[in-house]
Protein backbone atom coordinates (compact mmCIF):
# COMPACT_ATOMS: atom_id res chain seq x y z
CA UNK A 1 -56.34 -167.85 -190.09
CA UNK A 2 -53.63 -166.91 -187.87
CA UNK A 3 -53.64 -163.25 -189.23
CA UNK A 4 -57.47 -163.04 -188.54
CA UNK A 5 -57.04 -164.19 -184.97
CA UNK A 6 -54.17 -161.80 -184.38
CA UNK A 7 -56.31 -158.85 -185.78
CA UNK A 8 -59.23 -159.88 -183.58
CA UNK A 9 -56.80 -160.11 -180.67
CA UNK A 10 -55.49 -156.59 -181.50
CA UNK A 11 -59.16 -155.04 -181.87
CA UNK A 12 -60.34 -156.64 -178.47
CA UNK A 13 -57.28 -155.74 -176.25
CA UNK A 14 -56.92 -152.28 -177.72
CA UNK A 15 -60.60 -151.52 -177.51
CA UNK A 16 -60.80 -152.98 -173.94
CA UNK A 17 -57.98 -151.17 -172.57
CA UNK A 18 -59.00 -147.72 -174.08
CA UNK A 19 -61.22 -145.42 -172.23
CA UNK A 20 -62.28 -143.37 -175.24
CA UNK A 21 -62.70 -144.52 -179.11
CA UNK A 22 -63.39 -142.44 -182.23
CA UNK A 23 -66.59 -143.60 -184.03
CA UNK A 24 -67.41 -142.36 -187.51
CA UNK A 25 -70.72 -143.36 -188.79
CA UNK A 26 -70.92 -144.35 -192.54
CA UNK A 27 -71.31 -141.24 -194.58
CA UNK A 28 -70.41 -138.92 -191.63
CA UNK A 29 -67.69 -136.25 -192.34
CA UNK A 30 -65.68 -136.69 -189.12
CA UNK A 31 -65.47 -139.19 -186.18
CA UNK A 32 -66.57 -138.45 -182.77
CA UNK A 33 -65.04 -139.19 -179.41
CA UNK A 34 -67.24 -141.70 -177.22
CA UNK A 35 -66.85 -143.56 -174.06
CA UNK A 36 -67.87 -147.07 -174.45
CA UNK A 37 -67.64 -150.56 -172.84
CA UNK A 38 -66.40 -153.69 -174.40
CA UNK A 39 -68.20 -157.01 -173.65
CA UNK A 40 -68.87 -160.18 -175.63
CA UNK A 41 -66.72 -159.23 -178.43
CA UNK A 42 -68.39 -155.97 -179.07
CA UNK A 43 -68.33 -152.27 -178.21
CA UNK A 44 -71.57 -150.91 -176.46
CA UNK A 45 -72.45 -147.38 -176.34
CA UNK A 46 -75.27 -145.34 -174.67
CA UNK A 47 -76.15 -142.14 -176.06
CA UNK A 48 -78.77 -139.53 -176.92
CA UNK A 49 -80.96 -137.84 -174.47
CA UNK A 50 -78.74 -136.56 -171.75
CA UNK A 51 -75.76 -138.61 -172.92
CA UNK A 52 -73.12 -138.53 -175.80
CA UNK A 53 -74.75 -137.85 -179.14
CA UNK A 54 -75.12 -140.81 -181.39
CA UNK A 55 -75.41 -138.81 -184.54
CA UNK A 56 -75.54 -140.91 -187.76
CA UNK A 57 -75.32 -144.40 -185.98
CA UNK A 58 -78.36 -146.23 -187.05
CA UNK A 59 -79.59 -149.81 -186.59
CA UNK A 60 -78.09 -151.83 -189.22
CA UNK A 61 -75.72 -149.40 -190.32
CA UNK A 62 -71.93 -149.39 -190.42
CA UNK A 63 -69.28 -147.34 -188.45
CA UNK A 64 -65.61 -147.07 -188.36
CA UNK A 65 -64.01 -147.23 -184.97
CA UNK A 66 -60.53 -145.83 -184.30
CA UNK A 67 -58.98 -146.92 -180.94
CA UNK A 68 -56.30 -144.84 -179.33
CA UNK A 69 -53.57 -145.85 -176.82
CA UNK A 70 -54.49 -145.19 -173.33
CA UNK A 71 -51.06 -144.14 -172.26
CA UNK A 72 -49.65 -142.22 -175.41
CA UNK A 73 -52.92 -141.28 -177.06
CA UNK A 74 -51.84 -142.51 -180.54
CA UNK A 75 -53.80 -144.30 -183.00
CA UNK A 76 -53.57 -148.17 -182.51
CA UNK A 77 -56.14 -149.64 -184.89
CA UNK A 78 -59.04 -148.71 -186.93
CA UNK A 79 -61.64 -151.27 -187.53
CA UNK A 80 -65.13 -151.51 -189.19
CA UNK A 81 -68.36 -152.56 -187.48
CA UNK A 82 -71.99 -153.10 -187.82
CA UNK A 83 -74.30 -151.18 -185.73
CA UNK A 84 -77.35 -152.74 -183.94
CA UNK A 85 -79.87 -151.03 -181.58
CA UNK A 86 -80.67 -153.08 -178.42
CA UNK A 87 -84.51 -152.71 -177.53
CA UNK A 88 -84.75 -151.51 -173.79
CA UNK A 89 -85.59 -154.27 -171.33
CA UNK A 90 -84.22 -157.06 -173.50
CA UNK A 91 -81.67 -159.62 -172.10
CA UNK A 92 -78.97 -157.93 -174.44
CA UNK A 93 -79.86 -154.58 -173.31
CA UNK A 94 -79.73 -155.43 -169.71
CA UNK A 95 -76.15 -157.16 -170.10
CA UNK A 96 -74.89 -154.08 -172.13
CA UNK A 97 -76.11 -151.66 -169.49
CA UNK A 98 -74.61 -153.67 -166.73
CA UNK A 99 -71.21 -153.18 -168.45
CA UNK A 100 -71.82 -149.48 -169.33
CA UNK A 101 -72.98 -148.66 -165.83
CA UNK A 102 -69.57 -149.37 -164.45
CA UNK A 103 -67.91 -147.01 -167.07
CA UNK A 104 -70.29 -144.10 -166.66
CA UNK A 105 -68.40 -141.33 -164.61
CA UNK A 106 -70.22 -138.49 -162.89
CA UNK A 107 -73.77 -139.60 -163.68
CA UNK A 108 -76.26 -136.77 -162.50
CA UNK A 109 -78.70 -139.35 -161.26
CA UNK A 110 -76.59 -142.14 -159.73
CA UNK A 111 -78.18 -145.58 -159.59
CA UNK A 112 -81.36 -144.26 -161.23
CA UNK A 113 -79.47 -143.67 -164.68
CA UNK A 114 -80.59 -147.14 -166.07
CA UNK A 115 -83.95 -146.15 -165.80
CA UNK A 116 -83.20 -142.89 -167.48
CA UNK A 117 -81.54 -144.76 -170.28
CA UNK A 118 -84.32 -146.99 -170.75
CA UNK A 119 -86.75 -143.91 -170.97
CA UNK A 120 -84.54 -141.50 -173.13
CA UNK A 121 -81.40 -143.13 -174.75
CA UNK A 122 -80.45 -145.53 -177.11
CA UNK A 123 -78.00 -148.43 -176.44
CA UNK A 124 -75.90 -149.62 -179.41
CA UNK A 125 -73.83 -152.63 -180.22
CA UNK A 126 -71.00 -152.21 -182.54
CA UNK A 127 -69.70 -155.52 -183.62
CA UNK A 128 -66.34 -155.74 -185.51
CA UNK A 129 -66.64 -157.12 -189.02
CA UNK A 130 -63.01 -158.41 -189.17
CA UNK A 131 -61.92 -155.60 -191.44
CA UNK A 132 -59.02 -153.36 -190.40
CA UNK A 133 -58.28 -150.25 -192.07
CA UNK A 134 -54.56 -149.51 -192.89
CA UNK A 135 -52.72 -146.97 -190.55
CA UNK A 136 -52.71 -143.69 -192.50
CA UNK A 137 -49.38 -142.34 -194.04
CA UNK A 138 -49.90 -138.71 -192.99
CA UNK A 139 -51.16 -137.35 -189.71
CA UNK A 140 -54.57 -136.61 -190.63
CA UNK A 141 -54.58 -133.45 -188.40
CA UNK A 142 -56.95 -130.72 -189.25
CA UNK A 143 -56.73 -127.01 -188.62
CA UNK A 144 -58.77 -126.01 -185.40
CA UNK A 145 -62.22 -124.55 -185.77
CA UNK A 146 -62.03 -120.82 -185.68
CA UNK A 147 -62.71 -119.48 -182.15
CA UNK A 148 -62.43 -116.27 -180.32
CA UNK A 149 -60.21 -118.08 -177.69
CA UNK A 150 -56.54 -117.24 -178.01
CA UNK A 151 -53.50 -119.23 -176.89
CA UNK A 152 -51.56 -118.28 -174.06
CA UNK A 153 -48.85 -115.53 -174.70
CA UNK A 154 -45.34 -115.72 -173.17
CA UNK A 155 -45.04 -114.52 -169.54
CA UNK A 156 -43.71 -111.00 -169.34
CA UNK A 157 -40.20 -110.79 -168.32
CA UNK A 158 -40.77 -108.67 -165.27
CA UNK A 159 -43.66 -110.88 -163.95
CA UNK A 160 -41.42 -113.43 -162.16
CA UNK A 161 -39.78 -110.59 -160.13
CA UNK A 162 -42.92 -109.13 -159.30
CA UNK A 163 -44.39 -112.46 -158.05
CA UNK A 164 -41.06 -113.08 -156.03
CA UNK A 165 -41.40 -109.73 -154.18
CA UNK A 166 -45.03 -110.51 -153.25
CA UNK A 167 -44.12 -113.90 -151.87
CA UNK A 168 -41.26 -112.40 -149.83
CA UNK A 169 -43.42 -109.57 -148.38
CA UNK A 170 -46.04 -112.21 -147.50
CA UNK A 171 -43.45 -114.35 -145.67
CA UNK A 172 -42.14 -111.41 -143.69
CA UNK A 173 -45.88 -110.37 -142.57
């Protein structure tokens, strides 16, 4: 019993403090980073429409949630959850949206976003099942997706001198 309470406290505190969680729907190949709100012992997500995609998360389904440390970014805990979609306009939906509204940064429509959420988006509750996954032994790092972007190359040796000369000439002018 004590272990279960400690696990529950870990999930709640870590998830509350983290601004970002990684959610993998059952059967999905990879987890997705998502912003969220924690309230009443559950994670609430708003998505689809113009918000974050909720691909693979279905009412009655399962998901795996990985919570990272807010300050260091490392994995703290991974837990399983049941997914429930909240019907727009219900008391549960209103309570969830009240929590989510405070967490939504840079909303394009300001105070009207809740009306847009009711029209276009889904609000989900991810309730912990009480099952924690063990932390992995290896890093789980994957190779980056191929991209035309390149990494920064070292600064040419003569560049600091050139920039230094330009600054001197700007000061004397």
